[in-house]
Amino acid sequence: MSDGLEGGCECGDVRYRLIGAPIVVNCCHCRDCQRISGSAFAINAMIETDRVEVICGEAEQSSLEREGAGDTHAWRCGRCLTLLFADHPLFGAAMRFVRVGTLDEGERLVPQAHFFVRSKHPWVTLPEDVPAFETLPDKGLGVELGAEARARLRAAMGER
């Protein structure tokens, strides 16, 4: 579905490609994602770090310090400062959370779960058939992963 999806920053200096499909796509309604995106939510495609290939320019790493959540590293264009992808304290350097809005065809990636709906804007309507969680799911990613995605996640996290 998403093999070869490409994306980039607003000014075009940085371009990247996803090598394969994301493990999972989520829509996060937390206040951090709202502030960072300047919108009501952020849509994130979780994929192994080594499957995000910068093909033009250089994404600059910075730190997003979050109170009580640990540091998150983010990669942005150095010129226009578009946030392209980040890691997450729960997954460390093994995973990247690609901002789906920076993909050329981001509409091809539909959220499989909604997180932090406790801070969702009241005018946002969630699909009834997609799992939704007040914060983060107690266990896992909030969705049932297929065998390949489970194996990829275990491999990336150094599990057997």
Foldseek 3Di string as FASTA:
>chain_A
DQAFWKFDDPVPQKIKTFHDAALAKAWEQDPVQCVLVVHRIFIWGKHFPVRIGTDGHFWDWDWDDDPPFGIKIFTAHPPPRDTAWIDGPVQPNGIITGGLVRIPPSVVHDHQEYALCCNGDPVDDDDPNHHYDNHADPDDRRDDTDPVSVVNSCVSSVHD
